[in-house]
Amino acid sequence: MQYRKFRTQDRENSFLGMGVMRLPEDEDGRVDSQQGVDLIRYAVDHGINYIDTGFTYHGGMSERIVGEALKDGYREKVIIADKMPIWLVRSEEDVDRYFTKQLRRLGVDCIDMYLIHNIIPANWRKTQKYNVLPYLEKQKEEGRIKHIGFSFHGDYELFKEVIDAYDWEFCQIQLNYLDKDEQATLKGLEYARSKGIDVIVMEPLKGGRVTDRVPESVQAIWDDAVESGTVTADRTPAEWAFRWVAAQPGVSLVLSGMNSYEQLDENIALFSKDDVDVLNEDELIVIDRVAAEYNSKIKYQCTGCGYCMPCPKKLEIPKIIDYLNAWYAFDKNPSTKMEYSTWIGDGFHASDCLHCGECEKKCPQSLPISDIMTDGAEQFGK
């Protein structure tokens, strides 16, 4: 396993980290705690020493499972990352309440890497309103946090604003070869790097969408690249995606939500290779062709400009359309439906659309947004 050293971390971190967001569940959506503990310990035993969890993952079970896995001497072997569920915060007292509960769930007295979770405009305003950063600084002074960072799902302009607002030690962004111009973007990665901030990448496989149910037209591009001799190695879609992220300058760690021993073995083997972060020009061209093919499958040509906003029902229309586009482009991958249900709050789903038509009057693309919301409600069930 390759290791890299965070700028301020007192322990070298494995280049591959384990995200504990997608542990295997039964048909009723219940996670098997013992299986989760065993998977985490297997990962640690095979060289992964960065474990990432969150307050809401698996309804709070993720933190408890990580806490159980850290017993019997495992705490000393790992770097724990956890996150403040800022969207749930309604007061300064809540900040302390959630953090204290996380320490209790994990069964630890210190969290190594602590993030403000899911920075978007509303959550950034809450961070400032409820004095979250001064609180975290106090916890750091008292030894309950080692390093302060944030995870991000906004756009580049907000990313730059957040980066410039505080002396962050690290940040976590979504990045893959399909999202290089979305959210923080490659430009944001470079900006953080220029500021000396360590960058952790999440969703390198776009929630498993670039590996599960690969469309025939996409697989044909991968196959043709090998058959034509354009590339010399026959790689899986997962390996292509991981290598693309690993090759980006400024990436300190790549997170993967591995939920089986097979995935762990495959990814550990890949990140143990000396050339995991190397791609040549021909390989980059092939990846760009695959990205273009996926993008050609976009059903609704929404640019995310936001002119349709605000919605009378406060629906985040571009975000709902983005999930729906992903649903179709990735052959109705269940991960898309899971993320839609997780991140679009009750009362703000496509099914809550009033069909008033106000958004359609303002859309530069003249999209039939009311019909799209009907489609979203039918596809996602709400």
Protein backbone atom coordinates (compact mmCIF):
# COMPACT_ATOMS: atom_id res chain seq x y z
CA MET A 1 0.00 0.00 0.00
CA GLN A 2 1.36 3.42 -0.92
CA TYR A 3 1.52 6.00 1.85
CA ARG A 4 1.52 9.80 1.69
CA LYS A 5 1.97 12.28 4.48
CA PHE A 6 -0.54 15.02 5.25
CA ARG A 7 1.03 18.44 5.67
CA THR A 8 0.17 18.58 9.40
CA GLN A 9 -0.61 14.95 10.19
CA ASP A 10 1.55 13.13 12.71
CA ARG A 11 1.04 9.81 10.94
CA GLU A 12 1.50 8.85 7.31
CA ASN A 13 -1.80 8.17 5.59
CA SER A 14 -2.45 5.37 3.14
CA PHE A 15 -3.15 6.78 -0.33
CA LEU A 16 -6.39 4.75 -0.30
CA GLY A 17 -8.91 5.46 2.45
CA MET A 18 -12.05 3.53 3.40
CA GLY A 19 -15.35 5.39 3.42
CA VAL A 20 -17.90 3.77 5.72
CA MET A 21 -20.99 5.08 3.97
CA ARG A 22 -22.00 2.08 1.87
CA LEU A 23 -21.64 -0.98 4.07
CA PRO A 24 -23.66 -4.00 2.88
CA GLU A 25 -27.31 -3.96 3.95
CA ASP A 26 -30.08 -6.56 3.99
CA GLU A 27 -33.34 -6.25 2.04
CA ASP A 28 -34.82 -4.10 4.82
CA GLY A 29 -31.93 -1.64 4.66
CA ARG A 30 -30.34 -2.82 7.90
CA VAL A 31 -26.57 -2.96 8.05
CA ASP A 32 -24.85 -6.03 9.52
CA SER A 33 -22.73 -4.54 12.31
CA GLN A 34 -20.39 -7.50 12.70
CA GLN A 35 -19.81 -7.71 8.97
CA GLY A 36 -19.03 -4.00 8.97
CA VAL A 37 -16.54 -4.40 11.84
CA ASP A 38 -14.87 -7.31 10.06
CA LEU A 39 -14.54 -5.38 6.78
CA ILE A 40 -12.98 -2.36 8.51
CA ARG A 41 -10.50 -4.50 10.40
CA TYR A 42 -9.64 -6.42 7.25
CA ALA A 43 -8.92 -3.11 5.52
CA VAL A 44 -6.67 -1.97 8.37
CA ASP A 45 -4.89 -5.33 8.51
CA HIS A 46 -4.10 -4.92 4.80
CA GLY A 47 -2.64 -1.44 4.93
CA ILE A 48 -5.56 1.04 4.90
CA ASN A 49 -5.24 3.35 7.88
CA TYR A 50 -7.70 6.15 7.04
CA ILE A 51 -11.33 5.47 8.01
CA ASP A 52 -14.00 8.03 7.08
CA THR A 53 -17.48 8.11 8.60
CA GLY A 54 -20.33 10.58 9.15
CA PHE A 55 -23.09 11.31 11.65
CA THR A 56 -25.94 10.28 9.33
CA TYR A 57 -24.35 7.34 7.51
CA HIS A 58 -26.51 4.24 7.91
CA GLY A 59 -28.74 6.17 10.29
CA GLY A 60 -25.90 6.68 12.74
CA MET A 61 -24.82 3.04 12.69
CA SER A 62 -21.65 3.83 10.73
CA GLU A 63 -20.06 5.71 13.63
CA ARG A 64 -21.03 2.95 16.06
CA ILE A 65 -19.58 0.27 13.77
CA VAL A 66 -16.35 2.22 13.37
CA GLY A 67 -16.20 2.59 17.14
CA GLU A 68 -16.58 -1.15 17.60
CA ALA A 69 -13.96 -1.85 14.94
CA LEU A 70 -11.48 0.42 16.72
CA LYS A 71 -11.45 -1.72 19.86
CA ASP A 72 -8.80 -4.37 20.60
CA GLY A 73 -5.86 -2.18 19.62
CA TYR A 74 -7.15 -0.91 16.27
CA ARG A 75 -7.60 2.71 17.39
CA GLU A 76 -3.84 3.18 17.52
CA LYS A 77 -3.50 1.99 13.92
CA VAL A 78 -5.87 4.38 12.17
CA ILE A 79 -6.67 7.97 11.32
CA ILE A 80 -10.36 8.65 12.00
CA ALA A 81 -12.30 11.19 9.94
CA ASP A 82 -15.78 12.29 11.01
CA LYS A 83 -18.07 15.17 10.11
CA MET A 84 -20.33 17.78 11.72
CA PRO A 85 -23.87 17.37 10.25
CA ILE A 86 -24.19 21.11 9.78
CA TRP A 87 -27.58 20.95 8.02
CA LEU A 88 -29.10 19.57 11.25
CA VAL A 89 -27.70 22.37 13.40
CA ARG A 90 -30.24 24.90 14.70
CA SER A 91 -28.21 26.52 17.50
CA GLU A 92 -24.70 26.76 18.94
CA GLU A 93 -25.79 24.22 21.54
CA ASP A 94 -26.50 21.76 18.71
CA VAL A 95 -22.89 22.02 17.54
CA ASP A 96 -21.66 20.78 20.91
CA ARG A 97 -24.44 18.21 21.20
CA TYR A 98 -23.67 16.55 17.87
CA PHE A 99 -19.91 16.56 18.40
CA THR A 100 -20.24 15.09 21.89
CA LYS A 101 -22.55 12.39 20.55
CA GLN A 102 -20.04 11.51 17.83
CA LEU A 103 -17.25 11.04 20.38
CA ARG A 104 -19.57 8.79 22.36
CA ARG A 105 -20.62 6.73 19.34
CA LEU A 106 -17.00 6.27 18.26
CA GLY A 107 -15.87 5.52 21.79
CA VAL A 108 -12.87 7.85 21.48
CA ASP A 109 -11.65 11.02 23.14
CA CYS A 110 -10.15 12.51 19.97
CA ILE A 111 -11.09 12.60 16.28
CA ASP A 112 -8.07 12.98 14.02
CA MET A 113 -9.66 14.66 10.99
CA TYR A 114 -12.86 16.59 11.65
CA LEU A 115 -14.87 18.10 8.81
CA ILE A 116 -17.82 20.41 8.47
CA HIS A 117 -20.02 18.18 6.35
CA ASN A 118 -21.46 19.06 2.93
CA ILE A 119 -20.60 22.72 2.46
CA ILE A 120 -23.15 24.29 0.13
CA PRO A 121 -24.41 27.90 0.38
CA ALA A 122 -26.99 27.23 3.12
CA ASN A 123 -24.59 25.12 5.18
CA TRP A 124 -21.79 27.65 4.86
CA ARG A 125 -24.12 30.34 6.22
CA LYS A 126 -24.97 28.06 9.15
CA THR A 127 -21.29 27.45 9.80
CA GLN A 128 -20.80 31.18 10.22
CA LYS A 129 -24.07 31.89 12.03
CA TYR A 130 -23.52 29.28 14.73
CA ASN A 131 -19.79 29.95 15.21
CA VAL A 132 -18.81 26.41 14.29
CA LEU A 133 -15.17 27.17 13.54
CA PRO A 134 -14.42 28.86 16.90
CA TYR A 135 -16.01 25.85 18.59
CA LEU A 136 -13.84 23.42 16.61
CA GLU A 137 -10.74 25.47 17.37
CA LYS A 138 -11.53 25.16 21.07
CA GLN A 139 -11.90 21.38 20.72
CA LYS A 140 -8.56 21.27 18.95
CA GLU A 141 -6.90 23.27 21.72
CA GLU A 142 -8.34 20.83 24.26
CA GLY A 143 -7.11 17.79 22.31
CA ARG A 144 -10.44 16.43 21.06
CA ILE A 145 -9.69 17.24 17.39
CA LYS A 146 -6.35 17.13 15.60
CA HIS A 147 -7.14 18.74 12.23
CA ILE A 148 -10.02 20.88 10.94
CA GLY A 149 -11.40 20.63 7.39
CA PHE A 150 -14.59 20.56 5.36
CA SER A 151 -16.32 18.44 2.75
CA PHE A 152 -17.76 20.23 -0.24
CA HIS A 153 -20.64 19.97 -2.73
CA GLY A 154 -21.07 23.55 -3.95
CA ASP A 155 -19.61 25.29 -7.00
CA TYR A 156 -16.14 26.65 -7.65
CA GLU A 157 -16.90 30.21 -6.62
CA LEU A 158 -18.18 29.07 -3.22
CA PHE A 159 -15.21 26.71 -2.88
CA LYS A 160 -12.80 29.58 -3.41
CA GLU A 161 -14.72 31.73 -0.89
CA VAL A 162 -14.61 28.99 1.74
CA ILE A 163 -10.92 28.24 1.14
CA ASP A 164 -10.05 31.92 1.58
CA ALA A 165 -12.20 32.37 4.71
CA TYR A 166 -10.17 30.22 7.10
CA ASP A 167 -6.79 28.59 7.60
CA TRP A 168 -8.00 25.09 6.73
CA GLU A 169 -5.71 22.11 7.08
CA PHE A 170 -7.52 19.90 4.59
CA CYS A 171 -10.67 19.62 2.52
CA GLN A 172 -12.66 16.85 0.86
CA ILE A 173 -14.10 17.23 -2.64
CA GLN A 174 -16.03 15.11 -5.09
CA LEU A 175 -13.87 14.44 -8.13
CA ASN A 176 -13.84 11.89 -10.93
CA TYR A 177 -13.32 12.00 -14.68
CA LEU A 178 -17.00 12.86 -15.18
CA ASP A 179 -17.12 15.60 -12.54
CA LYS A 180 -13.88 17.41 -13.36
CA ASP A 181 -15.86 20.54 -14.29
CA GLU A 182 -18.52 20.12 -11.58
CA GLN A 183 -18.62 21.27 -7.94
CA ALA A 184 -15.11 22.25 -6.77
CA THR A 185 -13.71 21.20 -10.19
CA LEU A 186 -10.10 20.55 -11.17
CA LYS A 187 -9.57 24.30 -10.88
CA GLY A 188 -10.59 24.07 -7.22
CA LEU A 189 -8.16 21.22 -6.63
CA GLU A 190 -5.37 23.37 -8.02
CA TYR A 191 -6.48 26.36 -5.93
CA ALA A 192 -6.43 24.33 -2.71
CA ARG A 193 -3.04 22.96 -3.68
CA SER A 194 -1.72 26.49 -4.23
CA LYS A 195 -2.79 27.32 -0.67
CA GLY A 196 -0.98 24.31 0.79
CA ILE A 197 -4.23 22.58 1.75
CA ASP A 198 -4.36 18.79 1.59
CA VAL A 199 -7.15 17.48 -0.63
CA ILE A 200 -9.03 14.24 -0.06
CA VAL A 201 -11.10 12.99 -2.99
CA MET A 202 -14.46 11.30 -2.50
CA GLU A 203 -16.65 9.62 -5.13
CA PRO A 204 -13.78 8.63 -7.45
CA LEU A 205 -16.16 6.08 -9.00
CA LYS A 206 -19.13 8.49 -8.87
CA GLY A 207 -20.91 6.35 -6.30
CA GLY A 208 -20.08 3.17 -8.23
CA ARG A 209 -21.89 4.43 -11.33
CA VAL A 210 -18.85 4.17 -13.60
CA THR A 211 -18.30 0.54 -12.59
CA ASP A 212 -21.80 -0.95 -12.21
CA ARG A 213 -23.92 -1.70 -15.25
CA VAL A 214 -21.43 -0.14 -17.67
CA PRO A 215 -23.31 0.74 -20.90
CA GLU A 216 -22.30 -1.31 -23.95
CA SER A 217 -21.20 1.81 -25.82
CA VAL A 218 -18.86 2.76 -22.96
CA GLN A 219 -17.43 -0.75 -22.59
CA ALA A 220 -16.81 -0.75 -26.34
CA ILE A 221 -14.50 2.26 -25.94
CA TRP A 222 -12.50 0.52 -23.22
CA ASP A 223 -12.29 -2.68 -25.30
CA ASP A 224 -11.33 -0.87 -28.50
CA ALA A 225 -8.50 0.94 -26.73
CA VAL A 226 -6.94 -2.43 -25.84
CA GLU A 227 -7.64 -4.15 -29.15
CA SER A 228 -6.21 -1.25 -31.18
CA GLY A 229 -3.09 -1.11 -29.06
CA THR A 230 -3.82 2.44 -27.93
CA VAL A 231 -3.30 1.24 -24.37
CA THR A 232 -1.21 -1.73 -23.33
CA ALA A 233 -3.12 -2.77 -20.20
CA ASP A 234 -6.62 -4.25 -20.05
CA ARG A 235 -8.01 -2.46 -17.01
CA THR A 236 -11.36 -2.57 -15.28
CA PRO A 237 -13.54 0.57 -15.34
CA ALA A 238 -12.77 0.96 -11.61
CA GLU A 239 -9.02 0.93 -12.20
CA TRP A 240 -9.32 3.53 -14.97
CA ALA A 241 -11.34 5.80 -12.69
CA PHE A 242 -9.02 5.41 -9.69
CA ARG A 243 -5.94 6.02 -11.81
CA TRP A 244 -7.43 9.21 -13.25
CA VAL A 245 -8.00 10.63 -9.75
CA ALA A 246 -4.66 9.41 -8.40
CA ALA A 247 -2.85 11.09 -11.30
CA GLN A 248 -4.20 14.56 -10.46
CA PRO A 249 -1.53 16.73 -8.80
CA GLY A 250 -2.49 17.75 -5.29
CA VAL A 251 -4.54 14.69 -4.30
CA SER A 252 -3.43 13.50 -0.85
CA LEU A 253 -5.84 10.60 -0.44
CA VAL A 254 -8.55 8.79 -2.40
CA LEU A 255 -11.63 7.57 -0.54
CA SER A 256 -13.59 4.54 -1.65
CA GLY A 257 -16.79 3.16 -0.13
CA MET A 258 -15.72 -0.47 -0.32
CA ASN A 259 -18.33 -2.92 0.97
CA SER A 260 -16.91 -6.34 0.13
CA TYR A 261 -13.65 -8.24 0.51
CA GLU A 262 -13.40 -8.48 -3.27
CA GLN A 263 -13.49 -4.69 -3.62
CA LEU A 264 -10.99 -4.28 -0.81
CA ASP A 265 -8.56 -6.77 -2.32
CA GLU A 266 -8.84 -5.27 -5.79
CA ASN A 267 -8.36 -1.68 -4.63
CA ILE A 268 -5.57 -2.44 -2.17
CA ALA A 269 -3.68 -4.27 -4.93
CA LEU A 270 -4.10 -1.30 -7.27
CA PHE A 271 -2.98 1.30 -4.72
CA SER A 272 0.05 -0.83 -3.87
CA LYS A 273 1.41 -0.28 -7.39
CA ASP A 274 4.15 2.28 -7.87
CA ASP A 275 2.49 3.60 -11.04
CA VAL A 276 -1.06 3.98 -9.69
CA ASP A 277 -0.80 7.75 -10.23
CA VAL A 278 0.63 7.59 -13.76
CA LEU A 279 -1.36 7.98 -17.01
CA ASN A 280 0.05 8.80 -20.44
CA GLU A 281 -1.52 11.08 -23.06
CA ASP A 282 -3.14 8.22 -25.01
CA GLU A 283 -4.77 6.89 -21.84
CA LEU A 284 -6.09 10.32 -20.93
CA ILE A 285 -7.62 10.64 -24.41
CA VAL A 286 -9.42 7.31 -23.97
CA ILE A 287 -10.83 8.45 -20.63
CA ASP A 288 -12.03 11.69 -22.25
CA ARG A 289 -13.83 9.62 -24.92
CA VAL A 290 -15.57 7.59 -22.22
CA ALA A 291 -16.62 10.76 -20.41
CA ALA A 292 -18.01 12.19 -23.65
CA GLU A 293 -20.00 9.01 -24.26
CA TYR A 294 -21.53 9.14 -20.79
CA ASN A 295 -22.37 12.81 -21.28
CA SER A 296 -24.09 12.02 -24.57
CA LYS A 297 -26.58 9.97 -22.56
CA ILE A 298 -27.77 13.00 -20.61
CA LYS A 299 -31.53 13.16 -21.09
CA TYR A 300 -32.27 16.69 -19.90
CA GLN A 301 -29.83 19.37 -21.04
CA CYS A 302 -29.88 21.44 -17.88
CA THR A 303 -26.85 23.70 -17.48
CA GLY A 304 -27.37 24.22 -13.75
CA CYS A 305 -27.59 27.99 -14.25
CA GLY A 306 -30.22 28.32 -11.51
CA TYR A 307 -32.39 30.83 -13.39
CA CYS A 308 -35.39 28.61 -12.57
CA MET A 309 -34.90 29.42 -8.89
CA PRO A 310 -36.28 30.23 -6.42
CA CYS A 311 -39.05 27.68 -6.56
CA PRO A 312 -42.28 28.46 -4.62
CA LYS A 313 -41.84 25.06 -2.94
CA LYS A 314 -38.10 25.66 -2.46
CA LEU A 315 -37.20 22.67 -4.63
CA GLU A 316 -33.58 22.56 -5.74
CA ILE A 317 -34.59 22.01 -9.35
CA PRO A 318 -31.11 21.72 -10.94
CA LYS A 319 -30.07 19.19 -8.31
CA ILE A 320 -33.17 17.05 -8.89
CA ILE A 321 -32.56 17.16 -12.65
CA ASP A 322 -28.92 16.19 -12.08
CA TYR A 323 -29.98 13.08 -10.15
CA LEU A 324 -32.49 12.21 -12.85
CA ASN A 325 -29.87 12.59 -15.58
CA ALA A 326 -27.53 10.32 -13.63
CA TRP A 327 -30.36 7.81 -13.25
CA TYR A 328 -30.66 7.49 -17.02
CA ALA A 329 -26.99 7.86 -17.97
CA PHE A 330 -25.91 5.09 -15.60
CA ASP A 331 -28.63 2.62 -16.52
CA LYS A 332 -30.80 3.29 -13.42
CA ASN A 333 -28.04 2.48 -10.96
CA PRO A 334 -29.51 2.01 -7.44
CA SER A 335 -26.79 4.29 -6.00
CA THR A 336 -28.46 7.25 -7.69
CA LYS A 337 -31.81 6.52 -6.07
CA MET A 338 -30.14 6.03 -2.69
CA GLU A 339 -28.32 9.36 -2.91
CA TYR A 340 -31.47 11.17 -4.09
CA SER A 341 -33.39 9.82 -1.09
CA THR A 342 -30.52 10.67 1.27
CA TRP A 343 -29.68 14.18 0.14
CA ILE A 344 -33.01 15.58 -1.07
CA GLY A 345 -34.98 16.31 2.10
CA ASP A 346 -38.59 15.43 2.76
CA GLY A 347 -40.91 18.06 1.32
CA PHE A 348 -38.42 18.97 -1.40
CA HIS A 349 -38.69 16.00 -3.75
CA ALA A 350 -39.83 16.04 -7.37
CA SER A 351 -43.24 14.81 -6.21
CA ASP A 352 -43.67 18.05 -4.23
CA CYS A 353 -43.67 20.15 -7.41
CA LEU A 354 -46.75 22.40 -7.72
CA HIS A 355 -46.58 22.39 -11.54
CA CYS A 356 -47.12 26.13 -11.42
CA GLY A 357 -44.88 26.73 -14.42
CA GLU A 358 -42.98 29.66 -12.88
CA CYS A 359 -39.65 27.91 -13.41
CA GLU A 360 -40.39 27.18 -17.06
CA LYS A 361 -40.90 30.88 -17.78
CA LYS A 362 -37.37 31.61 -16.55
CA CYS A 363 -35.48 28.60 -18.00
CA PRO A 364 -33.03 29.69 -20.77
CA GLN A 365 -33.13 26.16 -22.18
CA SER A 366 -36.97 26.13 -22.33
CA LEU A 367 -37.00 22.83 -20.47
CA PRO A 368 -40.42 21.32 -19.59
CA ILE A 369 -39.51 21.35 -15.91
CA SER A 370 -42.97 20.36 -14.65
CA ASP A 371 -42.87 17.23 -16.81
CA ILE A 372 -39.31 16.53 -15.68
CA MET A 373 -40.43 16.70 -12.03
CA THR A 374 -43.24 14.24 -12.84
CA ASP A 375 -40.63 11.94 -14.39
CA GLY A 376 -38.44 12.29 -11.30
CA ALA A 377 -41.33 11.42 -8.97
CA GLU A 378 -42.11 8.33 -11.04
CA GLN A 379 -38.50 7.14 -11.26
CA PHE A 380 -37.52 7.76 -7.64
CA GLY A 381 -40.88 7.08 -6.03
CA LYS A 382 -41.10 10.51 -4.41
